[in-house]
Each structure stands twice: as structure tokens, then as C-alpha cells.
PDB file of N, CA and C in Angstrom:
ATOM      1  N   MET A   1       0.846  -1.163   0.000  1.00  0.00           N
ATOM      2  CA  MET A   1       0.000   0.000   0.000  1.00  0.00           C
ATOM      3  C   MET A   1       0.902   1.241   0.000  1.00  0.00           C
ATOM      4  N   PRO A   2       0.616   2.199  -0.842  1.00  0.00           N
ATOM      5  CA  PRO A   2       1.434   3.419  -0.875  1.00  0.00           C
ATOM      6  C   PRO A   2       1.380   4.170   0.462  1.00  0.00           C
ATOM      7  N   VAL A   3       2.455   4.880   0.754  1.00  0.00           N
ATOM      8  CA  VAL A   3       2.585   5.564   2.029  1.00  0.00           C
ATOM      9  C   VAL A   3       1.480   6.601   2.211  1.00  0.00           C
ATOM     10  N   ARG A   4       1.188   7.356   1.181  1.00  0.00           N
ATOM     11  CA  ARG A   4       0.169   8.404   1.301  1.00  0.00           C
ATOM     12  C   ARG A   4      -1.214   7.815   1.587  1.00  0.00           C
ATOM     13  N   LEU A   5      -1.530   6.724   0.937  1.00  0.00           N
ATOM     14  CA  LEU A   5      -2.813   6.077   1.169  1.00  0.00           C
ATOM     15  C   LEU A   5      -2.876   5.479   2.575  1.00  0.00           C
ATOM     16  N   LYS A   6      -1.765   4.895   3.018  1.00  0.00           N
ATOM     17  CA  LYS A   6      -1.707   4.312   4.355  1.00  0.00           C
ATOM     18  C   LYS A   6      -1.908   5.386   5.419  1.00  0.00           C
ATOM     19  N   LYS A   7      -1.313   6.549   5.224  1.00  0.00           N
ATOM     20  CA  LYS A   7      -1.477   7.634   6.189  1.00  0.00           C
ATOM     21  C   LYS A   7      -2.884   8.207   6.165  1.00  0.00           C
ATOM     22  N   LEU A   8      -3.507   8.268   5.004  1.00  0.00           N
ATOM     23  CA  LEU A   8      -4.885   8.733   4.916  1.00  0.00           C
ATOM     24  C   LEU A   8      -5.822   7.776   5.640  1.00  0.00           C
ATOM     25  N   VAL A   9      -5.670   6.493   5.400  1.00  0.00           N
ATOM     26  CA  VAL A   9      -6.499   5.491   6.065  1.00  0.00           C
ATOM     27  C   VAL A   9      -6.260   5.524   7.572  1.00  0.00           C
ATOM     28  N   GLY A  10      -5.010   5.649   7.977  1.00  0.00           N
ATOM     29  CA  GLY A  10      -4.691   5.716   9.403  1.00  0.00           C
ATOM     30  C   GLY A  10      -5.299   6.936  10.074  1.00  0.00           C
ATOM     31  N   MET A  11      -5.273   8.075   9.397  1.00  0.00           N
ATOM     32  CA  MET A  11      -5.858   9.284   9.960  1.00  0.00           C
ATOM     33  C   MET A  11      -7.369   9.131  10.132  1.00  0.00           C
ATOM     34  N   ILE A  12      -8.023   8.554   9.132  1.00  0.00           N
ATOM     35  CA  ILE A  12      -9.467   8.328   9.228  1.00  0.00           C
ATOM     36  C   ILE A  12      -9.778   7.359  10.363  1.00  0.00           C
ATOM     37  N   LEU A  13      -8.972   6.313  10.501  1.00  0.00           N
ATOM     38  CA  LEU A  13      -9.168   5.364  11.596  1.00  0.00           C
ATOM     39  C   LEU A  13      -8.966   6.015  12.963  1.00  0.00           C
ATOM     40  N   LEU A  14      -7.959   6.886  13.082  1.00  0.00           N
ATOM     41  CA  LEU A  14      -7.722   7.555  14.355  1.00  0.00           C
ATOM     42  C   LEU A  14      -8.875   8.476  14.739  1.00  0.00           C
ATOM     43  N   VAL A  15      -9.370   9.235  13.786  1.00  0.00           N
ATOM     44  CA  VAL A  15     -10.496  10.133  14.074  1.00  0.00           C
ATOM     45  C   VAL A  15     -11.730   9.320  14.460  1.00  0.00           C
ATOM     46  N   ALA A  16     -11.995   8.253  13.727  1.00  0.00           N
ATOM     47  CA  ALA A  16     -13.141   7.402  14.037  1.00  0.00           C
ATOM     48  C   ALA A  16     -12.978   6.758  15.408  1.00  0.00           C
ATOM     49  N   LEU A  17     -11.779   6.298  15.729  1.00  0.00           N
ATOM     50  CA  LEU A  17     -11.510   5.699  17.032  1.00  0.00           C
ATOM     51  C   LEU A  17     -11.808   6.678  18.155  1.00  0.00           C
ATOM     52  N   VAL A  18     -11.330   7.896  18.041  1.00  0.00           N
ATOM     53  CA  VAL A  18     -11.517   8.875  19.110  1.00  0.00           C
ATOM     54  C   VAL A  18     -12.995   9.212  19.285  1.00  0.00           C
ATOM     55  N   VAL A  19     -13.701   9.420  18.189  1.00  0.00           N
ATOM     56  CA  VAL A  19     -15.112   9.787  18.275  1.00  0.00           C
ATOM     57  C   VAL A  19     -15.938   8.641  18.863  1.00  0.00           C
ATOM     58  N   ILE A  20     -15.770   7.448  18.329  1.00  0.00           N
ATOM     59  CA  ILE A  20     -16.548   6.298  18.804  1.00  0.00           C
ATOM     60  C   ILE A  20     -16.184   5.964  20.249  1.00  0.00           C
ATOM     61  N   TYR A  21     -14.912   5.996  20.575  1.00  0.00           N
ATOM     62  CA  TYR A  21     -14.481   5.676  21.935  1.00  0.00           C
ATOM     63  C   TYR A  21     -15.041   6.679  22.937  1.00  0.00           C
ATOM     64  N   ALA A  22     -15.011   7.952  22.594  1.00  0.00           N
ATOM     65  CA  ALA A  22     -15.542   8.973  23.501  1.00  0.00           C
ATOM     66  C   ALA A  22     -17.041   8.788  23.724  1.00  0.00           C
ATOM     67  N   LEU A  23     -17.767   8.496  22.655  1.00  0.00           N
ATOM     68  CA  LEU A  23     -19.210   8.284  22.792  1.00  0.00           C
ATOM     69  C   LEU A  23     -19.525   7.059  23.641  1.00  0.00           C
ATOM     70  N   VAL A  24     -18.818   5.975  23.417  1.00  0.00           N
ATOM     71  CA  VAL A  24     -19.057   4.743  24.176  1.00  0.00           C
ATOM     72  C   VAL A  24     -18.668   4.926  25.643  1.00  0.00           C
ATOM     73  N   ALA A  25     -17.514   5.531  25.896  1.00  0.00           N
ATOM     74  CA  ALA A  25     -17.074   5.734  27.282  1.00  0.00           C
ATOM     75  C   ALA A  25     -18.038   6.639  28.038  1.00  0.00           C
ATOM     76  N   THR A  26     -18.534   7.674  27.381  1.00  0.00           N
ATOM     77  CA  THR A  26     -19.484   8.571  28.031  1.00  0.00           C
ATOM     78  C   THR A  26     -20.828   7.893  28.254  1.00  0.00           C
ATOM     79  N   ALA A  27     -21.274   7.096  27.296  1.00  0.00           N
ATOM     80  CA  ALA A  27     -22.544   6.382  27.462  1.00  0.00           C
ATOM     81  C   ALA A  27     -22.468   5.386  28.614  1.00  0.00           C
ATOM     82  N   ILE A  28     -21.356   4.686  28.728  1.00  0.00           N
ATOM     83  CA  ILE A  28     -21.183   3.741  29.840  1.00  0.00           C
ATOM     84  C   ILE A  28     -21.150   4.492  31.167  1.00  0.00           C
ATOM     85  N   ALA A  29     -20.460   5.614  31.208  1.00  0.00           N
ATOM     86  CA  ALA A  29     -20.394   6.396  32.443  1.00  0.00           C
ATOM     87  C   ALA A  29     -21.766   6.915  32.830  1.00  0.00           C
ATOM     88  N   THR A  30     -22.522   7.362  31.862  1.00  0.00           N
ATOM     89  CA  THR A  30     -23.860   7.874  32.149  1.00  0.00           C
ATOM     90  C   THR A  30     -24.778   6.774  32.656  1.00  0.00           C
ATOM     91  N   ALA A  31     -24.683   5.594  32.058  1.00  0.00           N
ATOM     92  CA  ALA A  31     -25.566   4.483  32.438  1.00  0.00           C
ATOM     93  C   ALA A  31     -25.177   3.841  33.770  1.00  0.00           C
ATOM     94  N   ARG A  32     -23.891   3.772  34.065  1.00  0.00           N
ATOM     95  CA  ARG A  32     -23.438   3.007  35.230  1.00  0.00           C
ATOM     96  C   ARG A  32     -23.003   3.851  36.425  1.00  0.00           C
ATOM     97  N   LEU A  33     -22.554   5.070  36.191  1.00  0.00           N
ATOM     98  CA  LEU A  33     -21.942   5.832  37.274  1.00  0.00           C
ATOM     99  C   LEU A  33     -22.799   6.988  37.772  1.00  0.00           C
ATOM    100  N   GLY A  34     -24.080   6.964  37.507  1.00  0.00           N
ATOM    101  CA  GLY A  34     -24.939   8.082  37.864  1.00  0.00           C
ATOM    102  C   GLY A  34     -24.971   8.388  39.352  1.00  0.00           C
ATOM    103  N   GLU A  35     -24.958   7.387  40.179  1.00  0.00           N
ATOM    104  CA  GLU A  35     -25.059   7.576  41.631  1.00  0.00           C
ATOM    105  C   GLU A  35     -23.722   7.392  42.350  1.00  0.00           C
ATOM    106  N   SER A  36     -22.656   7.253  41.608  1.00  0.00           N
ATOM    107  CA  SER A  36     -21.348   7.010  42.219  1.00  0.00           C
ATOM    108  C   SER A  36     -20.742   8.301  42.752  1.00  0.00           C
ATOM    109  N   SER A  37     -19.743   8.135  43.585  1.00  0.00           N
ATOM    110  CA  SER A  37     -19.057   9.292  44.159  1.00  0.00           C
ATOM    111  C   SER A  37     -18.101   9.912  43.151  1.00  0.00           C
ATOM    112  N   TRP A  38     -17.593  11.066  43.493  1.00  0.00           N
ATOM    113  CA  TRP A  38     -16.699  11.776  42.577  1.00  0.00           C
ATOM    114  C   TRP A  38     -15.390  11.032  42.373  1.00  0.00           C
ATOM    115  N   ILE A  39     -14.947  10.283  43.367  1.00  0.00           N
ATOM    116  CA  ILE A  39     -13.683   9.553  43.227  1.00  0.00           C
ATOM    117  C   ILE A  39     -13.817   8.411  42.225  1.00  0.00           C
ATOM    118  N   VAL A  40     -14.986   7.781  42.174  1.00  0.00           N
ATOM    119  CA  VAL A  40     -15.230   6.725  41.186  1.00  0.00           C
ATOM    120  C   VAL A  40     -15.268   7.333  39.792  1.00  0.00           C
ATOM    121  N   HIS A  41     -15.888   8.486  39.657  1.00  0.00           N
ATOM    122  CA  HIS A  41     -15.918   9.187  38.360  1.00  0.00           C
ATOM    123  C   HIS A  41     -14.503   9.559  37.921  1.00  0.00           C
ATOM    124  N   LEU A  42     -13.731  10.067  38.868  1.00  0.00           N
ATOM    125  CA  LEU A  42     -12.351  10.456  38.564  1.00  0.00           C
ATOM    126  C   LEU A  42     -11.542   9.251  38.094  1.00  0.00           C
ATOM    127  N   ALA A  43     -11.648   8.138  38.804  1.00  0.00           N
ATOM    128  CA  ALA A  43     -10.902   6.937  38.429  1.00  0.00           C
ATOM    129  C   ALA A  43     -11.364   6.404  37.075  1.00  0.00           C
ATOM    130  N   TYR A  44     -12.676   6.394  36.846  1.00  0.00           N
ATOM    131  CA  TYR A  44     -13.195   5.890  35.570  1.00  0.00           C
ATOM    132  C   TYR A  44     -12.693   6.728  34.399  1.00  0.00           C
ATOM    133  N   PHE A  45     -12.829   8.032  34.505  1.00  0.00           N
ATOM    134  CA  PHE A  45     -12.422   8.884  33.388  1.00  0.00           C
ATOM    135  C   PHE A  45     -10.903   8.950  33.248  1.00  0.00           C
ATOM    136  N   PHE A  46     -10.167   8.735  34.327  1.00  0.00           N
ATOM    137  CA  PHE A  46      -8.714   8.660  34.224  1.00  0.00           C
ATOM    138  C   PHE A  46      -8.305   7.436  33.402  1.00  0.00           C
ATOM    139  N   PHE A  47      -8.869   6.281  33.760  1.00  0.00           N
ATOM    140  CA  PHE A  47      -8.487   5.057  33.060  1.00  0.00           C
ATOM    141  C   PHE A  47      -9.029   5.007  31.633  1.00  0.00           C
ATOM    142  N   THR A  48     -10.257   5.436  31.434  1.00  0.00           N
ATOM    143  CA  THR A  48     -10.776   5.433  30.064  1.00  0.00           C
ATOM    144  C   THR A  48     -10.100   6.500  29.219  1.00  0.00           C
ATOM    145  N   GLY A  49      -9.638   7.568  29.853  1.00  0.00           N
ATOM    146  CA  GLY A  49      -8.903   8.592  29.117  1.00  0.00           C
ATOM    147  C   GLY A  49      -7.551   8.110  28.636  1.00  0.00           C
ATOM    148  N   LEU A  50      -6.980   7.157  29.325  1.00  0.00           N
ATOM    149  CA  LEU A  50      -5.688   6.598  28.912  1.00  0.00           C
ATOM    150  C   LEU A  50      -5.824   5.353  28.041  1.00  0.00           C
ATOM    151  N   LEU A  51      -6.949   4.665  28.147  1.00  0.00           N
ATOM    152  CA  LEU A  51      -7.111   3.377  27.465  1.00  0.00           C
ATOM    153  C   LEU A  51      -7.163   3.501  25.948  1.00  0.00           C
ATOM    154  N   TRP A  52      -7.649   4.616  25.419  1.00  0.00           N
ATOM    155  CA  TRP A  52      -7.750   4.770  23.970  1.00  0.00           C
ATOM    156  C   TRP A  52      -6.371   4.860  23.309  1.00  0.00           C
ATOM    157  N   VAL A  53      -5.357   5.115  24.109  1.00  0.00           N
ATOM    158  CA  VAL A  53      -4.011   5.264  23.562  1.00  0.00           C
ATOM    159  C   VAL A  53      -3.497   3.940  22.989  1.00  0.00           C
ATOM    160  N   LEU A  54      -3.908   2.817  23.562  1.00  0.00           N
ATOM    161  CA  LEU A  54      -3.404   1.517  23.095  1.00  0.00           C
ATOM    162  C   LEU A  54      -3.780   1.229  21.638  1.00  0.00           C
ATOM    163  N   PRO A  55      -5.050   1.317  21.238  1.00  0.00           N
ATOM    164  CA  PRO A  55      -5.328   1.106  19.820  1.00  0.00           C
ATOM    165  C   PRO A  55      -4.773   2.225  18.943  1.00  0.00           C
ATOM    166  N   ALA A  56      -4.696   3.437  19.473  1.00  0.00           N
ATOM    167  CA  ALA A  56      -4.123   4.536  18.690  1.00  0.00           C
ATOM    168  C   ALA A  56      -2.641   4.283  18.414  1.00  0.00           C
ATOM    169  N   MET A  57      -1.933   3.745  19.391  1.00  0.00           N
ATOM    170  CA  MET A  57      -0.510   3.423  19.172  1.00  0.00           C
ATOM    171  C   MET A  57      -0.353   2.365  18.091  1.00  0.00           C
ATOM    172  N   TRP A  58      -1.246   1.386  18.090  1.00  0.00           N
ATOM    173  CA  TRP A  58      -1.177   0.342  17.064  1.00  0.00           C
ATOM    174  C   TRP A  58      -1.412   0.938  15.675  1.00  0.00           C
ATOM    175  N   ILE A  59      -2.378   1.825  15.554  1.00  0.00           N
ATOM    176  CA  ILE A  59      -2.671   2.459  14.257  1.00  0.00           C
ATOM    177  C   ILE A  59      -1.488   3.303  13.807  1.00  0.00           C
ATOM    178  N   ILE A  60      -0.912   4.078  14.713  1.00  0.00           N
ATOM    179  CA  ILE A  60       0.234   4.925  14.358  1.00  0.00           C
ATOM    180  C   ILE A  60       1.438   4.072  13.982  1.00  0.00           C
ATOM    181  N   LYS A  61       1.649   2.980  14.690  1.00  0.00           N
ATOM    182  CA  LYS A  61       2.756   2.073  14.348  1.00  0.00           C
ATOM    183  C   LYS A  61       2.552   1.488  12.956  1.00  0.00           C
ATOM    184  N   TRP A  62       1.308   1.104  12.633  1.00  0.00           N
ATOM    185  CA  TRP A  62       1.004   0.578  11.306  1.00  0.00           C
ATOM    186  C   TRP A  62       1.244   1.642  10.235  1.00  0.00           C
ATOM    187  N   MET A  63       0.873   2.886  10.531  1.00  0.00           N
ATOM    188  CA  MET A  63       1.073   3.965   9.566  1.00  0.00           C
ATOM    189  C   MET A  63       2.555   4.238   9.321  1.00  0.00           C
ATOM    190  N   ALA A  64       3.380   4.060  10.348  1.00  0.00           N
ATOM    191  CA  ALA A  64       4.790   4.417  10.254  1.00  0.00           C
ATOM    192  C   ALA A  64       5.654   3.332   9.618  1.00  0.00           C
ATOM    193  N   THR A  65       5.152   2.134   9.485  1.00  0.00           N
ATOM    194  CA  THR A  65       5.970   1.077   8.901  1.00  0.00           C
ATOM    195  C   THR A  65       6.175   1.331   7.419  1.00  0.00           C
ATOM    196  N   ALA A  66       7.364   1.057   6.981  1.00  0.00           N
ATOM    197  CA  ALA A  66       7.700   1.262   5.574  1.00  0.00           C
ATOM    198  C   ALA A  66       7.030   0.188   4.717  1.00  0.00           C
ATOM    199  N   PRO A  67       6.634   0.564   3.512  1.00  0.00           N
ATOM    200  CA  PRO A  67       6.042  -0.449   2.637  1.00  0.00           C
ATOM    201  C   PRO A  67       7.068  -1.489   2.229  1.00  0.00           C
ATOM    202  N   LYS A  68       6.575  -2.687   1.983  1.00  0.00           N
ATOM    203  CA  LYS A  68       7.462  -3.760   1.559  1.00  0.00           C
ATOM    204  C   LYS A  68       7.937  -3.482   0.141  1.00  0.00           C
ATOM    205  N   PRO A  69       9.238  -3.672  -0.112  1.00  0.00           N
ATOM    206  CA  PRO A  69       9.736  -3.440  -1.481  1.00  0.00           C
ATOM    207  C   PRO A  69       9.231  -4.511  -2.446  1.00  0.00           C
ATOM    208  N   ARG A  70       8.914  -4.068  -3.631  1.00  0.00           N
ATOM    209  CA  ARG A  70       8.456  -5.021  -4.648  1.00  0.00           C
ATOM    210  C   ARG A  70       9.666  -5.626  -5.353  1.00  0.00           C
ATOM    211  N   ASP A  71       9.618  -6.915  -5.524  1.00  0.00           N
ATOM    212  CA  ASP A  71      10.737  -7.613  -6.199  1.00  0.00           C
ATOM    213  C   ASP A  71      10.426  -7.828  -7.652  1.00  0.00           C
TER     214      ASP A  71
END
């Protein structure tokens, strides 16, 4: 896959990941944490705020790999 196309696909995937992840994390927090204390909210949003980095790192690593040379 050409580098420019790979970066375009990766950028679209990253934007989609952030939007979908934020919506899902907020929906779960709204449904499950409504009556919880502030410390539970803080811990939940701290961990979910860091958790999206793992798939984002994989996408960025995939984008940064050099294309295989054609023989």
C-alpha cells in the first residue's frame, strides 16, 4: 500500500476511534456511574482517558511502517 494512502487510512481510523471511543465511554459512564461518588468518576475517566491510547498506538505504528519493497 502506498505511504500516502496508508497515512490517509490511518488518519481516518484515528479520528473514528476517538469519536466512537468517547461516545461509548461517556454512554457507559452515564448508564453506570450516575449515583457514584466523585472519586469513582475520577478513576473511571482517568483510566478510560488513557485506554484509547493503546489502539491509537497500534494504528500509528502501522502507519509508520515502511512499505514492503516489490521484487
